[in-house]
Amino acid sequence: MNHLSNETLNEYLDNALAAADLSEAESHLAVCPECAGRLTGLRILFAELDLLPERILEIDLVPRVLSRL
């Protein structure tokens, strides 16, 4: 069985899959506990990340980053 890629799972969560890909992903998730578990883990991770407070950096890193590009 070919499992869903991390990219596909992320696009699934972002509602960014084309209709045919969405149908294929949902069919796979219905019968694959491994991919369904990975999807649940991603949902939990993103929910926890949303709970983190926003931090403001004391230093503006933009000039340093741009100078290295």
N, C-alpha and C. Protein backbone atom coordinates (compact mmCIF):
# COMPACT_ATOMS: atom_id res chain seq x y z
N MET A 1 0.85 -1.18 0.00
CA MET A 1 0.00 0.00 0.00
C MET A 1 0.89 1.23 0.00
N ASN A 2 0.62 2.16 -0.89
CA ASN A 2 1.35 3.43 -0.90
C ASN A 2 0.69 4.39 0.08
N HIS A 3 1.49 4.88 0.99
CA HIS A 3 0.96 5.80 1.99
C HIS A 3 0.96 7.22 1.46
N LEU A 4 0.16 8.07 2.09
CA LEU A 4 0.10 9.48 1.71
C LEU A 4 1.37 10.18 2.15
N SER A 5 1.86 11.07 1.32
CA SER A 5 3.06 11.83 1.65
C SER A 5 2.73 12.90 2.68
N ASN A 6 3.76 13.42 3.33
CA ASN A 6 3.56 14.54 4.26
C ASN A 6 2.98 15.75 3.53
N GLU A 7 3.43 15.95 2.30
CA GLU A 7 2.90 17.07 1.51
C GLU A 7 1.40 16.92 1.27
N THR A 8 0.98 15.72 0.92
CA THR A 8 -0.45 15.47 0.69
C THR A 8 -1.25 15.67 1.97
N LEU A 9 -0.73 15.19 3.09
CA LEU A 9 -1.44 15.36 4.36
C LEU A 9 -1.56 16.84 4.72
N ASN A 10 -0.50 17.60 4.50
CA ASN A 10 -0.55 19.04 4.78
C ASN A 10 -1.52 19.75 3.85
N GLU A 11 -1.52 19.39 2.58
CA GLU A 11 -2.47 19.99 1.64
C GLU A 11 -3.90 19.60 2.00
N TYR A 12 -4.09 18.39 2.49
CA TYR A 12 -5.41 17.95 2.94
C TYR A 12 -5.89 18.84 4.08
N LEU A 13 -5.01 19.08 5.05
CA LEU A 13 -5.38 19.93 6.19
C LEU A 13 -5.64 21.37 5.76
N ASP A 14 -4.95 21.82 4.73
CA ASP A 14 -5.12 23.19 4.24
C ASP A 14 -6.26 23.32 3.23
N ASN A 15 -6.97 22.23 2.99
CA ASN A 15 -8.04 22.21 1.98
C ASN A 15 -7.52 22.68 0.63
N ALA A 16 -6.32 22.20 0.27
CA ALA A 16 -5.67 22.63 -0.96
C ALA A 16 -5.55 21.52 -1.99
N LEU A 17 -6.23 20.40 -1.78
CA LEU A 17 -6.16 19.30 -2.74
C LEU A 17 -7.24 19.48 -3.81
N ALA A 18 -6.89 19.12 -5.03
CA ALA A 18 -7.88 19.10 -6.11
C ALA A 18 -8.93 18.03 -5.77
N ALA A 19 -10.08 18.14 -6.37
CA ALA A 19 -11.20 17.25 -6.05
C ALA A 19 -10.83 15.78 -6.18
N ALA A 20 -10.14 15.42 -7.25
CA ALA A 20 -9.76 14.01 -7.45
C ALA A 20 -8.77 13.56 -6.39
N ASP A 21 -7.80 14.42 -6.07
CA ASP A 21 -6.81 14.08 -5.05
C ASP A 21 -7.44 14.00 -3.67
N LEU A 22 -8.41 14.87 -3.41
CA LEU A 22 -9.12 14.86 -2.13
C LEU A 22 -9.87 13.54 -1.97
N SER A 23 -10.55 13.12 -3.01
CA SER A 23 -11.30 11.87 -2.96
C SER A 23 -10.37 10.69 -2.72
N GLU A 24 -9.23 10.68 -3.41
CA GLU A 24 -8.25 9.61 -3.24
C GLU A 24 -7.69 9.60 -1.82
N ALA A 25 -7.38 10.79 -1.29
CA ALA A 25 -6.83 10.88 0.07
C ALA A 25 -7.85 10.40 1.09
N GLU A 26 -9.10 10.83 0.95
CA GLU A 26 -10.13 10.42 1.90
C GLU A 26 -10.37 8.91 1.85
N SER A 27 -10.34 8.34 0.66
CA SER A 27 -10.50 6.89 0.54
C SER A 27 -9.35 6.16 1.22
N HIS A 28 -8.14 6.67 1.04
CA HIS A 28 -6.97 6.05 1.65
C HIS A 28 -7.03 6.18 3.18
N LEU A 29 -7.38 7.38 3.66
CA LEU A 29 -7.44 7.61 5.11
C LEU A 29 -8.48 6.70 5.78
N ALA A 30 -9.53 6.35 5.04
CA ALA A 30 -10.59 5.50 5.60
C ALA A 30 -10.12 4.07 5.86
N VAL A 31 -9.05 3.65 5.15
CA VAL A 31 -8.61 2.25 5.29
C VAL A 31 -7.18 2.12 5.81
N CYS A 32 -6.51 3.23 6.05
CA CYS A 32 -5.11 3.16 6.46
C CYS A 32 -4.92 3.81 7.84
N PRO A 33 -4.83 3.01 8.88
CA PRO A 33 -4.67 3.57 10.22
C PRO A 33 -3.34 4.33 10.39
N GLU A 34 -2.32 3.94 9.64
CA GLU A 34 -1.04 4.65 9.76
C GLU A 34 -1.15 6.09 9.26
N CYS A 35 -1.72 6.29 8.10
CA CYS A 35 -1.87 7.64 7.57
C CYS A 35 -2.89 8.45 8.37
N ALA A 36 -3.96 7.79 8.81
CA ALA A 36 -4.96 8.47 9.64
C ALA A 36 -4.31 8.94 10.95
N GLY A 37 -3.43 8.11 11.51
CA GLY A 37 -2.72 8.49 12.73
C GLY A 37 -1.76 9.66 12.50
N ARG A 38 -1.07 9.63 11.36
CA ARG A 38 -0.17 10.75 11.04
C ARG A 38 -0.97 12.04 10.86
N LEU A 39 -2.15 11.94 10.23
CA LEU A 39 -3.00 13.11 10.05
C LEU A 39 -3.46 13.65 11.41
N THR A 40 -3.84 12.77 12.31
CA THR A 40 -4.24 13.19 13.65
C THR A 40 -3.08 13.88 14.36
N GLY A 41 -1.88 13.32 14.22
CA GLY A 41 -0.71 13.93 14.82
C GLY A 41 -0.45 15.33 14.29
N LEU A 42 -0.63 15.52 12.98
CA LEU A 42 -0.44 16.85 12.39
C LEU A 42 -1.51 17.83 12.90
N ARG A 43 -2.73 17.35 13.02
CA ARG A 43 -3.81 18.22 13.54
C ARG A 43 -3.48 18.68 14.96
N ILE A 44 -3.01 17.76 15.78
CA ILE A 44 -2.64 18.10 17.16
C ILE A 44 -1.48 19.08 17.18
N LEU A 45 -0.46 18.81 16.37
CA LEU A 45 0.70 19.69 16.30
C LEU A 45 0.30 21.11 15.92
N PHE A 46 -0.50 21.25 14.86
CA PHE A 46 -0.89 22.59 14.41
C PHE A 46 -1.79 23.28 15.43
N ALA A 47 -2.63 22.52 16.11
CA ALA A 47 -3.48 23.12 17.16
C ALA A 47 -2.61 23.64 18.30
N GLU A 48 -1.58 22.88 18.67
CA GLU A 48 -0.68 23.32 19.74
C GLU A 48 0.14 24.52 19.31
N LEU A 49 0.58 24.55 18.05
CA LEU A 49 1.33 25.70 17.55
C LEU A 49 0.47 26.96 17.57
N ASP A 50 -0.81 26.81 17.26
CA ASP A 50 -1.71 27.97 17.29
C ASP A 50 -1.88 28.54 18.69
N LEU A 51 -1.64 27.72 19.71
CA LEU A 51 -1.78 28.18 21.10
C LEU A 51 -0.56 28.92 21.62
N LEU A 52 0.56 28.82 20.91
CA LEU A 52 1.78 29.49 21.36
C LEU A 52 1.63 31.00 21.25
N PRO A 53 2.16 31.72 22.22
CA PRO A 53 2.09 33.17 22.14
C PRO A 53 3.00 33.69 21.03
N GLU A 54 2.59 34.77 20.42
CA GLU A 54 3.42 35.39 19.39
C GLU A 54 4.56 36.13 20.07
N ARG A 55 5.76 35.90 19.58
CA ARG A 55 6.94 36.54 20.17
C ARG A 55 7.45 37.60 19.21
N ILE A 56 7.77 38.73 19.74
CA ILE A 56 8.34 39.81 18.95
C ILE A 56 9.85 39.80 19.18
N LEU A 57 10.60 39.73 18.09
CA LEU A 57 12.05 39.72 18.21
C LEU A 57 12.56 41.10 18.61
N GLU A 58 13.57 41.11 19.43
CA GLU A 58 14.16 42.37 19.86
C GLU A 58 15.10 42.94 18.80
N ILE A 59 15.52 42.09 17.87
CA ILE A 59 16.44 42.50 16.83
C ILE A 59 15.76 42.30 15.48
N ASP A 60 15.90 43.28 14.59
CA ASP A 60 15.36 43.17 13.24
C ASP A 60 16.36 42.38 12.41
N LEU A 61 15.98 41.15 12.04
CA LEU A 61 16.87 40.27 11.30
C LEU A 61 16.79 40.45 9.79
N VAL A 62 15.86 41.25 9.32
CA VAL A 62 15.67 41.41 7.89
C VAL A 62 16.94 41.86 7.17
N PRO A 63 17.62 42.90 7.63
CA PRO A 63 18.84 43.32 6.91
C PRO A 63 19.90 42.23 6.85
N ARG A 64 20.08 41.48 7.93
CA ARG A 64 21.07 40.40 7.93
C ARG A 64 20.70 39.29 6.95
N VAL A 65 19.45 38.94 6.94
CA VAL A 65 19.01 37.87 6.04
C VAL A 65 19.13 38.33 4.59
N LEU A 66 18.69 39.52 4.30
CA LEU A 66 18.75 40.04 2.93
C LEU A 66 20.18 40.17 2.43
N SER A 67 21.09 40.52 3.30
CA SER A 67 22.49 40.67 2.88
C SER A 67 23.12 39.34 2.50
N ARG A 68 22.55 38.24 2.99
CA ARG A 68 23.11 36.92 2.70
C ARG A 68 22.43 36.25 1.50
N LEU A 69 21.38 36.84 1.02
CA LEU A 69 20.67 36.23 -0.12
C LEU A 69 21.33 36.58 -1.43
